[in-house]
Amino acid sequence: MKKVIMLGGSAKRRFFKDDRNAEIWTCNGQQSGVLHWLPRVDRAFNLHKYELLKAYGYSFDSEADWVREHPETPFMTMDKWPKYLVPNWTNWQDFPWKDMAQKQPRGMYHCGTFDWLVAYAVHCGVKDITIHGVNLCLESSEPMSAQACLEYWCGYAEGKGCKVTMKPDATMFCYMQKNLTNLTYGIDDAPIYTDKRKDGMGGYDYRE
């Protein structure tokens, strides 16, 4: 495994190009929902301890169904889920966060799934990472430090000789600013953001 394509929930189909030499990684059950158009998934992740997910009120159903229906696809978690969710754990793999934390600088500096994934890719010797659909500064549910953390780990990956590519459906490594308007919610098209990057998406895009 030398190349990986990582997809977040905001990935757009028209920016995705399959590469049979790369593994496709997804997380948090998105492969059974918003990323239903993917040609395949080579590795799926849910990087939260089970008891925390339970406390958050996380819905396991669709993700557990997908794991049962795809026994050939590795499914990586921080710890095992109960057997009533995933009775056959033949495809389960333990995410090696403890080993990574010992071997990598700032190994416990993680604020989201994708910075863990980038660190894991480097841990596995990956030399080419492409990221789709990650918009951490624009998601209200993400911690304030999430984007800075992911950018740190991307820089770490590049320092290790790994090429990191952000597709137009990901808002990383760009200058962000606030804009004031007189738009009225519910009456005007009031986008969450506008994308003025030369290679960006333009206005807020509601399509896949």
Foldseek 3Di string as FASTA:
>chain_A
DAEEEEEDLLFAPVQDDDDPVYAYEYEDLCCQPSVVVDPDHQEYEYEDDPVVCVVVVHDLANVLVVCQVCVVHAYEYCDDDDCVSPVDCNRYDYLPLVVLLVPDVVSVPAFDDQLSVLSVCVVVVHAEYEYGQAEQVLDPPGDPCHQVSSVVSVVVSVVVNHHYHYTQRYDHPDDDDDDDDPDDPPPDPDASDADPDPRHDGGDDPHD
